[in-house]
PDB file of N, CA and C in Angstrom:
ATOM      1  N   MET A   1      23.437   7.662 -26.016  1.00  0.00           N
ATOM      2  CA  MET A   1      22.889   8.166 -24.765  1.00  0.00           C
ATOM      3  C   MET A   1      24.111   8.244 -23.792  1.00  0.00           C
ATOM      4  N   GLN A   2      24.160   9.292 -23.032  1.00  0.00           N
ATOM      5  CA  GLN A   2      25.265   9.465 -22.033  1.00  0.00           C
ATOM      6  C   GLN A   2      25.038   8.625 -20.828  1.00  0.00           C
ATOM      7  N   PRO A   3      26.124   8.298 -20.099  1.00  0.00           N
ATOM      8  CA  PRO A   3      25.972   7.436 -18.900  1.00  0.00           C
ATOM      9  C   PRO A   3      24.993   8.064 -17.817  1.00  0.00           C
ATOM     10  N   LEU A   4      25.002   9.362 -17.650  1.00  0.00           N
ATOM     11  CA  LEU A   4      24.050  10.019 -16.754  1.00  0.00           C
ATOM     12  C   LEU A   4      22.612   9.856 -17.204  1.00  0.00           C
ATOM     13  N   GLY A   5      22.429   9.936 -18.498  1.00  0.00           N
ATOM     14  CA  GLY A   5      21.064   9.731 -19.063  1.00  0.00           C
ATOM     15  C   GLY A   5      20.615   8.336 -18.837  1.00  0.00           C
ATOM     16  N   VAL A   6      21.463   7.312 -18.961  1.00  0.00           N
ATOM     17  CA  VAL A   6      21.098   5.922 -18.728  1.00  0.00           C
ATOM     18  C   VAL A   6      20.776   5.721 -17.242  1.00  0.00           C
ATOM     19  N   LEU A   7      21.567   6.377 -16.406  1.00  0.00           N
ATOM     20  CA  LEU A   7      21.315   6.219 -14.869  1.00  0.00           C
ATOM     21  C   LEU A   7      20.009   6.849 -14.552  1.00  0.00           C
ATOM     22  N   CYS A   8      19.694   7.990 -15.129  1.00  0.00           N
ATOM     23  CA  CYS A   8      18.359   8.604 -14.806  1.00  0.00           C
ATOM     24  C   CYS A   8      17.225   7.722 -15.374  1.00  0.00           C
ATOM     25  N   ALA A   9      17.369   7.167 -16.542  1.00  0.00           N
ATOM     26  CA  ALA A   9      16.312   6.363 -17.139  1.00  0.00           C
ATOM     27  C   ALA A   9      16.132   5.080 -16.217  1.00  0.00           C
ATOM     28  N   VAL A  10      17.234   4.484 -15.839  1.00  0.00           N
ATOM     29  CA  VAL A  10      17.092   3.224 -14.969  1.00  0.00           C
ATOM     30  C   VAL A  10      16.474   3.636 -13.655  1.00  0.00           C
ATOM     31  N   THR A  11      16.876   4.698 -13.052  1.00  0.00           N
ATOM     32  CA  THR A  11      16.353   5.172 -11.776  1.00  0.00           C
ATOM     33  C   THR A  11      14.799   5.433 -11.934  1.00  0.00           C
ATOM     34  N   PHE A  12      14.479   6.128 -12.926  1.00  0.00           N
ATOM     35  CA  PHE A  12      13.014   6.422 -13.228  1.00  0.00           C
ATOM     36  C   PHE A  12      12.243   5.066 -13.409  1.00  0.00           C
ATOM     37  N   LEU A  13      12.811   4.172 -14.158  1.00  0.00           N
ATOM     38  CA  LEU A  13      12.085   2.898 -14.376  1.00  0.00           C
ATOM     39  C   LEU A  13      11.906   2.148 -13.038  1.00  0.00           C
ATOM     40  N   LEU A  14      12.884   2.097 -12.258  1.00  0.00           N
ATOM     41  CA  LEU A  14      12.833   1.466 -10.899  1.00  0.00           C
ATOM     42  C   LEU A  14      11.811   2.141 -10.012  1.00  0.00           C
ATOM     43  N   LEU A  15      11.734   3.450 -10.054  1.00  0.00           N
ATOM     44  CA  LEU A  15      10.715   4.163  -9.233  1.00  0.00           C
ATOM     45  C   LEU A  15       9.357   3.796  -9.760  1.00  0.00           C
ATOM     46  N   VAL A  16       9.087   3.854 -11.029  1.00  0.00           N
ATOM     47  CA  VAL A  16       7.773   3.503 -11.583  1.00  0.00           C
ATOM     48  C   VAL A  16       7.407   2.062 -11.323  1.00  0.00           C
ATOM     49  N   LEU A  17       8.365   1.145 -11.377  1.00  0.00           N
ATOM     50  CA  LEU A  17       8.101  -0.259 -11.069  1.00  0.00           C
ATOM     51  C   LEU A  17       7.829  -0.482  -9.605  1.00  0.00           C
ATOM     52  N   GLY A  18       8.550   0.253  -8.737  1.00  0.00           N
ATOM     53  CA  GLY A  18       8.325   0.095  -7.289  1.00  0.00           C
ATOM     54  C   GLY A  18       6.957   0.669  -6.924  1.00  0.00           C
ATOM     55  N   ALA A  19       6.549   1.840  -7.565  1.00  0.00           N
ATOM     56  CA  ALA A  19       5.201   2.391  -7.272  1.00  0.00           C
ATOM     57  C   ALA A  19       4.169   1.459  -7.764  1.00  0.00           C
ATOM     58  N   PHE A  20       4.375   0.839  -8.914  1.00  0.00           N
ATOM     59  CA  PHE A  20       3.307  -0.145  -9.412  1.00  0.00           C
ATOM     60  C   PHE A  20       3.219  -1.331  -8.513  1.00  0.00           C
ATOM     61  N   VAL A  21       4.320  -1.922  -7.952  1.00  0.00           N
ATOM     62  CA  VAL A  21       4.213  -2.973  -7.052  1.00  0.00           C
ATOM     63  C   VAL A  21       3.506  -2.630  -5.766  1.00  0.00           C
ATOM     64  N   PHE A  22       3.859  -1.424  -5.280  1.00  0.00           N
ATOM     65  CA  PHE A  22       3.243  -0.866  -4.034  1.00  0.00           C
ATOM     66  C   PHE A  22       1.763  -0.728  -4.206  1.00  0.00           C
ATOM     67  N   TRP A  23       1.352  -0.227  -5.419  1.00  0.00           N
ATOM     68  CA  TRP A  23      -0.081   0.001  -5.713  1.00  0.00           C
ATOM     69  C   TRP A  23      -0.843  -1.350  -5.683  1.00  0.00           C
ATOM     70  N   ILE A  24      -0.287  -2.355  -6.413  1.00  0.00           N
ATOM     71  CA  ILE A  24      -0.835  -3.715  -6.459  1.00  0.00           C
ATOM     72  C   ILE A  24      -0.892  -4.316  -5.031  1.00  0.00           C
ATOM     73  N   ARG A  25       0.179  -4.086  -4.253  1.00  0.00           N
ATOM     74  CA  ARG A  25       0.232  -4.726  -2.874  1.00  0.00           C
ATOM     75  C   ARG A  25      -0.865  -4.070  -2.045  1.00  0.00           C
ATOM     76  N   MET A  26      -1.112  -2.812  -2.192  1.00  0.00           N
ATOM     77  CA  MET A  26      -2.181  -2.119  -1.345  1.00  0.00           C
ATOM     78  C   MET A  26      -3.555  -2.646  -1.731  1.00  0.00           C
ATOM     79  N   ILE A  27      -3.797  -2.861  -3.085  1.00  0.00           N
ATOM     80  CA  ILE A  27      -5.074  -3.390  -3.537  1.00  0.00           C
ATOM     81  C   ILE A  27      -5.296  -4.824  -2.905  1.00  0.00           C
ATOM     82  N   ILE A  28      -4.265  -5.648  -2.951  1.00  0.00           N
ATOM     83  CA  ILE A  28      -4.348  -6.997  -2.364  1.00  0.00           C
ATOM     84  C   ILE A  28      -4.573  -6.925  -0.878  1.00  0.00           C
ATOM     85  N   ASP A  29      -3.866  -6.009  -0.223  1.00  0.00           N
ATOM     86  CA  ASP A  29      -4.014  -5.913   1.226  1.00  0.00           C
ATOM     87  C   ASP A  29      -5.422  -5.451   1.611  1.00  0.00           C
ATOM     88  N   CYS A  30      -5.865  -4.480   0.919  1.00  0.00           N
ATOM     89  CA  CYS A  30      -7.305  -4.022   1.125  1.00  0.00           C
ATOM     90  C   CYS A  30      -8.285  -5.148   0.898  1.00  0.00           C
ATOM     91  N   ALA A  31      -8.156  -5.840  -0.210  1.00  0.00           N
ATOM     92  CA  ALA A  31      -9.065  -6.888  -0.522  1.00  0.00           C
ATOM     93  C   ALA A  31      -9.081  -8.081   0.451  1.00  0.00           C
ATOM     94  N   THR A  32      -7.921  -8.333   1.071  1.00  0.00           N
ATOM     95  CA  THR A  32      -7.838  -9.501   1.913  1.00  0.00           C
ATOM     96  C   THR A  32      -7.955  -9.198   3.400  1.00  0.00           C
ATOM     97  N   LYS A  33      -7.574  -8.034   3.773  1.00  0.00           N
ATOM     98  CA  LYS A  33      -7.443  -7.667   5.218  1.00  0.00           C
ATOM     99  C   LYS A  33      -8.458  -6.745   5.784  1.00  0.00           C
ATOM    100  N   GLU A  34      -9.111  -5.915   4.915  1.00  0.00           N
ATOM    101  CA  GLU A  34     -10.148  -4.980   5.397  1.00  0.00           C
ATOM    102  C   GLU A  34     -11.301  -5.686   5.917  1.00  0.00           C
ATOM    103  N   PRO A  35     -11.892  -5.327   6.976  1.00  0.00           N
ATOM    104  CA  PRO A  35     -13.178  -5.920   7.488  1.00  0.00           C
ATOM    105  C   PRO A  35     -14.317  -5.715   6.461  1.00  0.00           C
ATOM    106  N   ASP A  36     -15.241  -6.648   6.425  1.00  0.00           N
ATOM    107  CA  ASP A  36     -16.352  -6.567   5.520  1.00  0.00           C
ATOM    108  C   ASP A  36     -17.514  -5.767   6.021  1.00  0.00           C
ATOM    109  N   SER A  37     -17.285  -4.914   7.026  1.00  0.00           N
ATOM    110  CA  SER A  37     -18.383  -4.138   7.633  1.00  0.00           C
ATOM    111  C   SER A  37     -18.784  -3.017   6.690  1.00  0.00           C
ATOM    112  N   GLY A  38     -20.067  -2.951   6.301  1.00  0.00           N
ATOM    113  CA  GLY A  38     -20.457  -1.881   5.389  1.00  0.00           C
ATOM    114  C   GLY A  38     -19.848  -1.973   4.037  1.00  0.00           C
ATOM    115  N   ASN A  39     -19.608  -0.768   3.445  1.00  0.00           N
ATOM    116  CA  ASN A  39     -19.027  -0.735   2.175  1.00  0.00           C
ATOM    117  C   ASN A  39     -17.574  -0.211   2.183  1.00  0.00           C
ATOM    118  N   ASP A  40     -16.946  -0.343   3.427  1.00  0.00           N
ATOM    119  CA  ASP A  40     -15.617   0.206   3.581  1.00  0.00           C
ATOM    120  C   ASP A  40     -14.583  -0.438   2.582  1.00  0.00           C
ATOM    121  N   LYS A  41     -14.620  -1.725   2.523  1.00  0.00           N
ATOM    122  CA  LYS A  41     -13.744  -2.424   1.697  1.00  0.00           C
ATOM    123  C   LYS A  41     -13.874  -1.982   0.255  1.00  0.00           C
ATOM    124  N   LEU A  42     -15.076  -1.923  -0.233  1.00  0.00           N
ATOM    125  CA  LEU A  42     -15.318  -1.571  -1.677  1.00  0.00           C
ATOM    126  C   LEU A  42     -14.922  -0.135  -1.875  1.00  0.00           C
ATOM    127  N   VAL A  43     -15.178   0.740  -1.004  1.00  0.00           N
ATOM    128  CA  VAL A  43     -14.856   2.184  -1.185  1.00  0.00           C
ATOM    129  C   VAL A  43     -13.376   2.329  -1.186  1.00  0.00           C
ATOM    130  N   TRP A  44     -12.614   1.591  -0.247  1.00  0.00           N
ATOM    131  CA  TRP A  44     -11.184   1.789  -0.290  1.00  0.00           C
ATOM    132  C   TRP A  44     -10.513   1.145  -1.584  1.00  0.00           C
ATOM    133  N   ILE A  45     -11.082   0.022  -2.029  1.00  0.00           N
ATOM    134  CA  ILE A  45     -10.619  -0.525  -3.292  1.00  0.00           C
ATOM    135  C   ILE A  45     -10.774   0.457  -4.442  1.00  0.00           C
ATOM    136  N   LEU A  46     -11.982   1.055  -4.507  1.00  0.00           N
ATOM    137  CA  LEU A  46     -12.218   2.019  -5.577  1.00  0.00           C
ATOM    138  C   LEU A  46     -11.296   3.214  -5.467  1.00  0.00           C
ATOM    139  N   ILE A  47     -11.087   3.716  -4.184  1.00  0.00           N
ATOM    140  CA  ILE A  47     -10.157   4.852  -4.037  1.00  0.00           C
ATOM    141  C   ILE A  47      -8.784   4.504  -4.526  1.00  0.00           C
ATOM    142  N   ILE A  48      -8.364   3.324  -4.226  1.00  0.00           N
ATOM    143  CA  ILE A  48      -6.966   2.949  -4.615  1.00  0.00           C
ATOM    144  C   ILE A  48      -6.961   2.728  -6.124  1.00  0.00           C
ATOM    145  N   LEU A  49      -7.956   2.119  -6.758  1.00  0.00           N
ATOM    146  CA  LEU A  49      -7.954   1.967  -8.120  1.00  0.00           C
ATOM    147  C   LEU A  49      -8.046   3.215  -8.912  1.00  0.00           C
ATOM    148  N   PHE A  50      -8.787   4.149  -8.549  1.00  0.00           N
ATOM    149  CA  PHE A  50      -9.028   5.386  -9.374  1.00  0.00           C
ATOM    150  C   PHE A  50      -8.072   6.423  -9.102  1.00  0.00           C
ATOM    151  N   THR A  51      -7.335   6.393  -7.910  1.00  0.00           N
ATOM    152  CA  THR A  51      -6.362   7.508  -7.608  1.00  0.00           C
ATOM    153  C   THR A  51      -4.944   6.922  -7.643  1.00  0.00           C
ATOM    154  N   HIS A  52      -4.759   5.698  -8.010  1.00  0.00           N
ATOM    155  CA  HIS A  52      -3.484   5.036  -8.235  1.00  0.00           C
ATOM    156  C   HIS A  52      -2.588   5.226  -7.031  1.00  0.00           C
ATOM    157  N   ILE A  53      -1.372   5.660  -7.178  1.00  0.00           N
ATOM    158  CA  ILE A  53      -0.343   5.726  -6.141  1.00  0.00           C
ATOM    159  C   ILE A  53      -0.784   6.657  -4.951  1.00  0.00           C
ATOM    160  N   ILE A  54      -1.497   7.756  -5.313  1.00  0.00           N
ATOM    161  CA  ILE A  54      -1.893   8.724  -4.255  1.00  0.00           C
ATOM    162  C   ILE A  54      -2.942   7.914  -3.347  1.00  0.00           C
ATOM    163  N   GLY A  55      -3.877   7.248  -3.845  1.00  0.00           N
ATOM    164  CA  GLY A  55      -4.854   6.422  -3.157  1.00  0.00           C
ATOM    165  C   GLY A  55      -4.167   5.293  -2.300  1.00  0.00           C
ATOM    166  N   ALA A  56      -3.168   4.650  -2.952  1.00  0.00           N
ATOM    167  CA  ALA A  56      -2.471   3.611  -2.207  1.00  0.00           C
ATOM    168  C   ALA A  56      -1.697   4.184  -1.046  1.00  0.00           C
ATOM    169  N   LEU A  57      -1.092   5.338  -1.198  1.00  0.00           N
ATOM    170  CA  LEU A  57      -0.440   6.012  -0.024  1.00  0.00           C
ATOM    171  C   LEU A  57      -1.409   6.422   1.005  1.00  0.00           C
ATOM    172  N   ILE A  58      -2.494   6.966   0.623  1.00  0.00           N
ATOM    173  CA  ILE A  58      -3.537   7.311   1.607  1.00  0.00           C
ATOM    174  C   ILE A  58      -3.992   6.117   2.371  1.00  0.00           C
ATOM    175  N   TYR A  59      -4.306   4.996   1.635  1.00  0.00           N
ATOM    176  CA  TYR A  59      -4.745   3.785   2.375  1.00  0.00           C
ATOM    177  C   TYR A  59      -3.648   3.276   3.251  1.00  0.00           C
ATOM    178  N   TYR A  60      -2.388   3.333   2.870  1.00  0.00           N
ATOM    179  CA  TYR A  60      -1.280   2.856   3.726  1.00  0.00           C
ATOM    180  C   TYR A  60      -1.209   3.552   4.988  1.00  0.00           C
ATOM    181  N   PHE A  61      -1.243   4.945   4.944  1.00  0.00           N
ATOM    182  CA  PHE A  61      -1.085   5.679   6.157  1.00  0.00           C
ATOM    183  C   PHE A  61      -2.367   5.841   6.925  1.00  0.00           C
ATOM    184  N   VAL A  62      -3.483   5.804   6.373  1.00  0.00           N
ATOM    185  CA  VAL A  62      -4.814   5.988   7.135  1.00  0.00           C
ATOM    186  C   VAL A  62      -5.333   4.661   7.645  1.00  0.00           C
ATOM    187  N   ARG A  63      -5.224   3.552   6.918  1.00  0.00           N
ATOM    188  CA  ARG A  63      -5.794   2.261   7.282  1.00  0.00           C
ATOM    189  C   ARG A  63      -4.826   1.205   7.631  1.00  0.00           C
ATOM    190  N   ARG A  64      -3.821   0.986   6.824  1.00  0.00           N
ATOM    191  CA  ARG A  64      -3.010  -0.187   7.049  1.00  0.00           C
ATOM    192  C   ARG A  64      -2.080  -0.044   8.198  1.00  0.00           C
ATOM    193  N   ARG A  65      -1.385   1.106   8.285  1.00  0.00           N
ATOM    194  CA  ARG A  65      -0.421   1.210   9.410  1.00  0.00           C
ATOM    195  C   ARG A  65      -1.091   1.145  10.747  1.00  0.00           C
ATOM    196  N   PRO A  66      -2.238   1.885  10.978  1.00  0.00           N
ATOM    197  CA  PRO A  66      -2.864   1.736  12.321  1.00  0.00           C
ATOM    198  C   PRO A  66      -3.330   0.330  12.557  1.00  0.00           C
ATOM    199  N   ARG A  67      -3.827  -0.374  11.567  1.00  0.00           N
ATOM    200  CA  ARG A  67      -4.338  -1.737  11.750  1.00  0.00           C
ATOM    201  C   ARG A  67      -3.190  -2.713  12.144  1.00  0.00           C
ATOM    202  N   ARG A  68      -2.033  -2.531  11.391  1.00  0.00           N
ATOM    203  CA  ARG A  68      -0.864  -3.377  11.794  1.00  0.00           C
ATOM    204  C   ARG A  68      -0.302  -3.041  13.141  1.00  0.00           C
ATOM    205  N   PHE A  69      -0.357  -1.719  13.497  1.00  0.00           N
ATOM    206  CA  PHE A  69       0.078  -1.395  14.884  1.00  0.00           C
ATOM    207  C   PHE A  69      -0.756  -2.028  15.918  1.00  0.00           C
ATOM    208  N   ALA A  70      -2.126  -1.994  15.652  1.00  0.00           N
ATOM    209  CA  ALA A  70      -2.985  -2.612  16.650  1.00  0.00           C
ATOM    210  C   ALA A  70      -2.808  -4.116  16.736  1.00  0.00           C
ATOM    211  N   GLU A  71      -2.531  -4.755  15.548  1.00  0.00           N
ATOM    212  CA  GLU A  71      -2.300  -6.243  15.594  1.00  0.00           C
ATOM    213  C   GLU A  71      -1.017  -6.521  16.350  1.00  0.00           C
ATOM    214  N   TRP A  72       0.022  -5.661  16.230  1.00  0.00           N
ATOM    215  CA  TRP A  72       1.308  -5.847  16.934  1.00  0.00           C
ATOM    216  C   TRP A  72       1.041  -5.624  18.456  1.00  0.00           C
ATOM    217  N   GLN A  73       0.258  -4.685  18.797  1.00  0.00           N
ATOM    218  CA  GLN A  73       0.000  -4.497  20.245  1.00  0.00           C
ATOM    219  C   GLN A  73      -0.756  -5.667  20.796  1.00  0.00           C
ATOM    220  N   ARG A  74      -1.759  -6.241  20.119  1.00  0.00           N
ATOM    221  CA  ARG A  74      -2.469  -7.342  20.608  1.00  0.00           C
ATOM    222  C   ARG A  74      -1.541  -8.569  20.722  1.00  0.00           C
ATOM    223  N   ALA A  75      -0.687  -8.770  19.784  1.00  0.00           N
ATOM    224  CA  ALA A  75       0.309  -9.861  19.851  1.00  0.00           C
ATOM    225  C   ALA A  75       1.221  -9.692  21.100  1.00  0.00           C
ATOM    226  N   SER A  76       1.705  -8.472  21.289  1.00  0.00           N
ATOM    227  CA  SER A  76       2.628  -8.169  22.396  1.00  0.00           C
ATOM    228  C   SER A  76       1.937  -8.428  23.760  1.00  0.00           C
ATOM    229  N   ALA A  77       0.643  -7.977  23.798  1.00  0.00           N
ATOM    230  CA  ALA A  77      -0.071  -8.151  25.046  1.00  0.00           C
ATOM    231  C   ALA A  77      -0.344  -9.557  25.449  1.00  0.00           C
ATOM    232  N   SER A  78      -0.542 -10.382  24.388  1.00  0.00           N
ATOM    233  CA  SER A  78      -0.829 -11.810  24.597  1.00  0.00           C
ATOM    234  C   SER A  78       0.491 -12.689  24.758  1.00  0.00           C
ATOM    235  N   GLY A  79       1.634 -12.007  24.646  1.00  0.00           N
ATOM    236  CA  GLY A  79       2.871 -12.699  24.809  1.00  0.00           C
ATOM    237  C   GLY A  79       3.439 -13.410  23.624  1.00  0.00           C
ATOM    238  N   LYS A  80       2.857 -13.219  22.507  1.00  0.00           N
ATOM    239  CA  LYS A  80       3.302 -13.802  21.229  1.00  0.00           C
ATOM    240  C   LYS A  80       4.330 -12.964  20.468  1.00  0.00           C
ATOM    241  N   GLY A  81       4.456 -11.693  20.813  1.00  0.00           N
ATOM    242  CA  GLY A  81       5.336 -10.825  20.045  1.00  0.00           C
ATOM    243  C   GLY A  81       6.581 -10.637  20.624  1.00  0.00           C
TER     244      GLY A  81
END
């Protein structure tokens, strides 16, 4: 195998591993941080599980980032941030 081929293989492996870790992290975040109101938590977990990285990205941008931003604003307003 040529050095460029090895570099491409290693890069691909790192991307796949990073995507897998991100996917698992979003499942854990959803299971532990989503409110238990209605079926939202279950629906989001199923979306993440069945759509893999696409579902994890959707969850990250639609639910997690706004929730984290709101938490940051509350902490800033109370003087803890």
